[in-house]
Structure formats: structure tokens, C-alpha cells
Amino acid sequence: MSTPSKPATKREYRSTEGLEFRAAPEGSESIGTITGYAAKFDSNSVEFPGWKRNWIERIRPGAFKRSLTEQTDVLMLWNHGNDMPIARTPGTLRLSEDAVGLRFEADLPDTTAARDVLANIKAGVVRAMSFGFEVVGEEWMKGETLDTRTLTDVTLYEVSPVVWPAYPETNVALRNAPQSGEAQTPPASQPNDEPDLTELQAFEDRLRVLTH
């Protein structure tokens, strides 16, 4: 049975595949526009390590609705780096929810960072998007071997082109957290028994490797 939990305050990051490029209109100050989905609804993430069981994550339709209304200043960054801004709402970055997920359109400025990102997207080196968020509402479904976390309401802060998707398409075979390229912390609300200290120490050691 799914049970609501207390809102988390830690900022988290998730990513999905799918980027498209559109050439800029003649005379535009932009070098082009990238479009796609920063998040897709009702899609399983890769497995993340937990206390007793690994867990996966899903995003419920409407999870971004409140934030898109209240959080009017959202950035597009390169790989979540605050020193590499690419676009910003409400001018050069446009965000919306549709039946698929969180859709974006970003007009790229004529900067070195944006040109590097665009070159990598065109070459197929970068083909995934990620989003930085804080959880406001979530539900957990406890399973025998795998728990499921469903995000029902999140506050969105930024979206970023990245290399590894945490929400892969069916043709991408990523199955564990290290391949996602982002260190993931198990949410404090995950249903569990008393944590095994040996497992906890191993998990903390793993995070140190991933974040250094």
C-alpha cells in the first residue's frame, strides 16, 4: 500500500534521454534552440541503492504543475554547474507540462559554453536532460526486493543537458546508480527496518567515490 511521507528538503537530480536541435531564425541573437523533455511521467528510473532494498522512482503527471506556477525563475545549466548558465525563464527558457512530461525549449546564447554544449549535442555526445528539484510530495510502495518512490509534487530549480540519464528510454541499458553519473542519496522517508550499520557504511563509502 502506498503511504505519503514528510516532504524532503534535500535537492536531488534526475535525468532522461531525448534532445532535439532547431536552427535559429535568420537575424536571431541565438545560435539555435534545443527542445525535448527534462522529465517523463510514469517511467521507471534506474535502480538506486537503499538501506535494505534498492528502489526505483517514477514521476506522476502533474508533479511539476505547482512549481511551474510558483517558481518563475528556473535556469538551464550545463551539467548542473552554476558557473555555466545556458538559458533562463521566462525569456530564453520555456517550460511546460504535457501528457508526456516536463517539456522544455531553450534558445542558446552565442557564448563559448552554449557553443560547446550545442557541438556535443549535434555530435551525439550529449543526448540526455536532467532536472534539479526538491521533493514536496511523494509516495512509497514497499516491495519484496525493490521499493518504488513516486514523486507527486516537486519544486523545480533547474534543468541541465547531461551525459547519463537516470530515466532511460527502453533502448538504453543503464541499470544502477554509478552509471547514471550522479551520486544518489536514499531519501530519509524510504520504508525500512532499522538500517544495518555495515550496509550504511558501505553506502557512504560508495557516495564518497562517486562525488570525488
Protein backbone atom coordinates (compact mmCIF):
# COMPACT_ATOMS: atom_id res chain seq x y z
CA MET A 1 0.00 0.00 0.00
CA SER A 2 1.37 3.45 -0.84
CA THR A 3 1.80 5.89 2.02
CA PRO A 4 2.53 9.63 1.85
CA SER A 5 5.64 10.79 3.64
CA LYS A 6 7.07 14.01 5.03
CA PRO A 7 8.48 16.36 2.39
CA ALA A 8 12.22 16.14 1.83
CA THR A 9 14.38 19.27 1.75
CA LYS A 10 17.48 17.97 0.00
CA ARG A 11 17.95 18.99 -3.62
CA GLU A 12 18.05 15.99 -5.95
CA TYR A 13 18.79 15.42 -9.62
CA ARG A 14 17.26 13.08 -12.21
CA SER A 15 17.77 12.80 -15.96
CA THR A 16 16.13 11.39 -19.08
CA GLU A 17 17.08 10.82 -22.71
CA GLY A 18 15.89 12.92 -25.63
CA LEU A 19 17.26 16.16 -27.12
CA GLU A 20 16.42 17.87 -30.41
CA PHE A 21 18.05 20.81 -32.12
CA ARG A 22 16.39 23.51 -34.20
CA ALA A 23 18.35 26.12 -36.14
CA ALA A 24 17.91 29.74 -35.11
CA PRO A 25 15.88 32.06 -37.37
CA GLU A 26 17.94 34.36 -39.59
CA GLY A 27 18.91 37.51 -37.70
CA SER A 28 18.38 35.94 -34.29
CA GLU A 29 20.86 36.54 -31.47
CA SER A 30 20.54 32.84 -30.56
CA ILE A 31 22.75 30.17 -32.11
CA GLY A 32 19.84 27.70 -32.06
CA THR A 33 17.14 26.12 -29.94
CA ILE A 34 17.21 22.79 -28.12
CA THR A 35 13.95 21.07 -27.22
CA GLY A 36 12.90 17.87 -25.51
CA TYR A 37 11.84 16.53 -22.13
CA ALA A 38 13.67 17.13 -18.88
CA ALA A 39 11.41 14.52 -17.22
CA LYS A 40 8.92 11.90 -18.40
CA PHE A 41 5.88 10.77 -16.46
CA ASP A 42 5.17 7.18 -15.40
CA SER A 43 8.61 5.96 -16.49
CA ASN A 44 10.90 3.87 -14.28
CA SER A 45 14.26 5.31 -13.31
CA VAL A 46 17.42 3.26 -12.92
CA GLU A 47 17.76 1.42 -9.59
CA PHE A 48 19.16 3.42 -6.69
CA PRO A 49 20.77 1.83 -3.61
CA GLY A 50 18.68 1.78 -0.42
CA TRP A 51 19.08 0.66 3.19
CA LYS A 52 17.62 -2.83 2.87
CA ARG A 53 16.36 -2.87 -0.71
CA ASN A 54 17.18 -0.94 -3.86
CA TRP A 55 14.50 1.41 -5.14
CA ILE A 56 13.28 2.94 -8.37
CA GLU A 57 11.47 6.18 -8.97
CA ARG A 58 8.52 7.35 -11.06
CA ILE A 59 7.05 10.80 -11.66
CA ARG A 60 3.29 11.26 -11.50
CA PRO A 61 1.61 13.53 -14.08
CA GLY A 62 1.09 16.95 -12.53
CA ALA A 63 4.17 16.75 -10.30
CA PHE A 64 5.56 19.99 -11.77
CA LYS A 65 2.27 21.89 -12.05
CA ARG A 66 2.51 23.87 -8.82
CA SER A 67 6.19 24.67 -9.28
CA LEU A 68 5.74 25.94 -12.85
CA THR A 69 3.24 28.45 -11.47
CA GLU A 70 5.07 29.46 -8.30
CA GLN A 71 8.76 29.04 -9.22
CA THR A 72 9.06 31.51 -12.08
CA ASP A 73 12.88 31.69 -12.10
CA VAL A 74 14.30 28.41 -13.44
CA LEU A 75 17.73 28.05 -15.04
CA MET A 76 19.18 25.78 -17.68
CA LEU A 77 22.73 24.89 -16.68
CA TRP A 78 25.41 22.75 -18.25
CA ASN A 79 25.66 19.55 -16.19
CA HIS A 80 24.17 21.26 -13.09
CA GLY A 81 27.04 23.76 -12.92
CA ASN A 82 26.03 27.17 -11.56
CA ASP A 83 29.00 28.71 -13.36
CA MET A 84 27.69 27.50 -16.75
CA PRO A 85 24.22 29.06 -17.30
CA ILE A 86 22.69 28.46 -20.72
CA ALA A 87 19.13 29.81 -20.54
CA ARG A 88 16.61 31.18 -18.03
CA THR A 89 12.87 31.54 -17.64
CA PRO A 90 10.81 33.35 -18.64
CA GLY A 91 12.89 34.67 -21.54
CA THR A 92 15.19 32.14 -23.20
CA LEU A 93 13.89 29.03 -21.41
CA ARG A 94 10.27 27.85 -21.75
CA LEU A 95 8.89 25.02 -19.62
CA SER A 96 5.52 23.28 -19.71
CA GLU A 97 3.80 20.05 -18.70
CA ASP A 98 2.05 17.88 -21.26
CA ALA A 99 0.87 14.27 -21.32
CA VAL A 100 4.45 13.02 -21.75
CA GLY A 101 6.29 15.01 -19.10
CA LEU A 102 8.18 18.24 -18.47
CA ARG A 103 8.86 19.76 -21.87
CA PHE A 104 11.41 22.50 -22.48
CA GLU A 105 12.58 24.84 -25.22
CA ALA A 106 15.82 26.76 -24.74
CA ASP A 107 17.27 29.43 -27.02
CA LEU A 108 21.04 29.15 -26.78
CA PRO A 109 23.07 32.37 -26.47
CA ASP A 110 26.18 33.00 -28.53
CA THR A 111 28.62 32.07 -25.75
CA THR A 112 31.51 29.63 -25.53
CA ALA A 113 29.62 27.41 -23.06
CA ALA A 114 26.49 27.27 -25.21
CA ARG A 115 28.51 26.56 -28.38
CA ASP A 116 30.33 23.70 -26.64
CA VAL A 117 27.02 22.24 -25.45
CA LEU A 118 25.49 22.58 -28.92
CA ALA A 119 28.51 20.93 -30.58
CA ASN A 120 28.26 17.95 -28.18
CA ILE A 121 24.52 17.61 -28.78
CA LYS A 122 24.98 17.66 -32.57
CA ALA A 123 27.75 15.06 -32.29
CA GLY A 124 25.56 12.82 -30.13
CA VAL A 125 27.98 13.02 -27.19
CA VAL A 126 25.32 14.70 -25.02
CA ARG A 127 21.80 13.39 -25.53
CA ALA A 128 20.15 13.44 -22.11
CA MET A 129 18.46 16.03 -19.88
CA SER A 130 18.37 16.26 -16.11
CA PHE A 131 16.44 18.37 -13.61
CA GLY A 132 17.32 19.64 -10.14
CA PHE A 133 14.48 19.60 -7.63
CA GLU A 134 13.29 19.34 -4.04
CA VAL A 135 10.51 16.95 -3.06
CA VAL A 136 7.28 18.41 -1.68
CA GLY A 137 5.08 15.31 -2.08
CA GLU A 138 5.98 11.65 -2.59
CA GLU A 139 4.55 8.17 -2.08
CA TRP A 140 6.36 4.91 -1.38
CA MET A 141 5.35 1.39 -2.37
CA LYS A 142 7.24 -1.24 -0.42
CA GLY A 143 8.20 -4.33 -2.40
CA GLU A 144 9.81 -7.64 -1.53
CA THR A 145 13.05 -6.86 -3.34
CA LEU A 146 12.54 -3.36 -4.75
CA ASP A 147 10.75 -0.27 -3.41
CA THR A 148 9.08 2.33 -5.64
CA ARG A 149 9.10 6.02 -4.94
CA THR A 150 6.54 8.15 -6.80
CA LEU A 151 7.11 11.90 -6.96
CA THR A 152 3.76 13.69 -6.72
CA ASP A 153 4.86 17.30 -6.19
CA VAL A 154 8.32 18.82 -6.64
CA THR A 155 9.87 22.28 -6.66
CA LEU A 156 11.90 22.69 -9.84
CA TYR A 157 15.10 24.78 -9.76
CA GLU A 158 16.99 23.96 -12.93
CA VAL A 159 17.28 21.71 -15.95
CA SER A 160 20.59 20.59 -17.48
CA PRO A 161 21.95 18.76 -20.52
CA VAL A 162 23.93 15.78 -19.14
CA VAL A 163 25.65 12.63 -20.36
CA TRP A 164 23.97 9.86 -18.34
CA PRO A 165 20.17 9.59 -17.94
CA ALA A 166 18.58 8.41 -14.68
CA TYR A 167 15.30 7.87 -16.59
CA PRO A 168 16.48 5.93 -19.66
CA GLU A 169 14.44 5.04 -22.72
CA THR A 170 13.91 1.32 -23.39
CA ASN A 171 16.92 1.20 -25.72
CA VAL A 172 19.33 2.45 -23.03
CA ALA A 173 20.63 -0.28 -20.73
CA LEU A 174 21.54 1.59 -17.54
CA ARG A 175 20.70 -0.46 -14.50
CA ASN A 176 22.48 1.03 -11.49
CA ALA A 177 23.28 4.34 -9.85
CA PRO A 178 27.01 4.61 -10.73
CA GLN A 179 26.23 4.53 -14.46
CA SER A 180 23.91 7.50 -14.06
CA GLY A 181 26.90 9.70 -13.28
CA GLU A 182 25.15 11.29 -10.31
CA ALA A 183 25.56 10.33 -6.67
CA GLN A 184 22.15 9.48 -5.24
CA THR A 185 21.23 9.66 -1.56
CA PRO A 186 18.45 7.34 -0.36
CA PRO A 187 15.56 9.56 0.82
CA ALA A 188 15.02 9.53 4.57
CA SER A 189 11.39 8.54 4.02
CA GLN A 190 12.17 5.22 2.33
CA PRO A 191 10.32 2.45 4.19
CA ASN A 192 12.82 0.27 6.01
CA ASP A 193 13.68 -1.61 9.14
CA GLU A 194 16.49 -0.38 11.38
CA PRO A 195 19.42 0.27 9.00
CA ASP A 196 22.25 -2.22 9.05
CA LEU A 197 25.38 -0.26 10.02
CA THR A 198 27.61 -2.34 7.75
CA GLU A 199 25.37 -1.61 4.76
CA LEU A 200 25.19 2.06 5.74
CA GLN A 201 28.98 2.40 5.93
CA ALA A 202 29.36 0.69 2.55
CA PHE A 203 26.81 3.05 1.03
CA GLU A 204 28.55 6.13 2.45
CA ASP A 205 31.89 4.89 1.08
CA ARG A 206 30.26 4.44 -2.32
CA LEU A 207 28.95 8.03 -2.26
CA ARG A 208 32.42 9.37 -1.43
CA VAL A 209 33.82 7.63 -4.52
CA LEU A 210 31.03 8.97 -6.72
CA THR A 211 31.30 12.56 -5.50
CA HIS A 212 35.07 12.97 -5.65
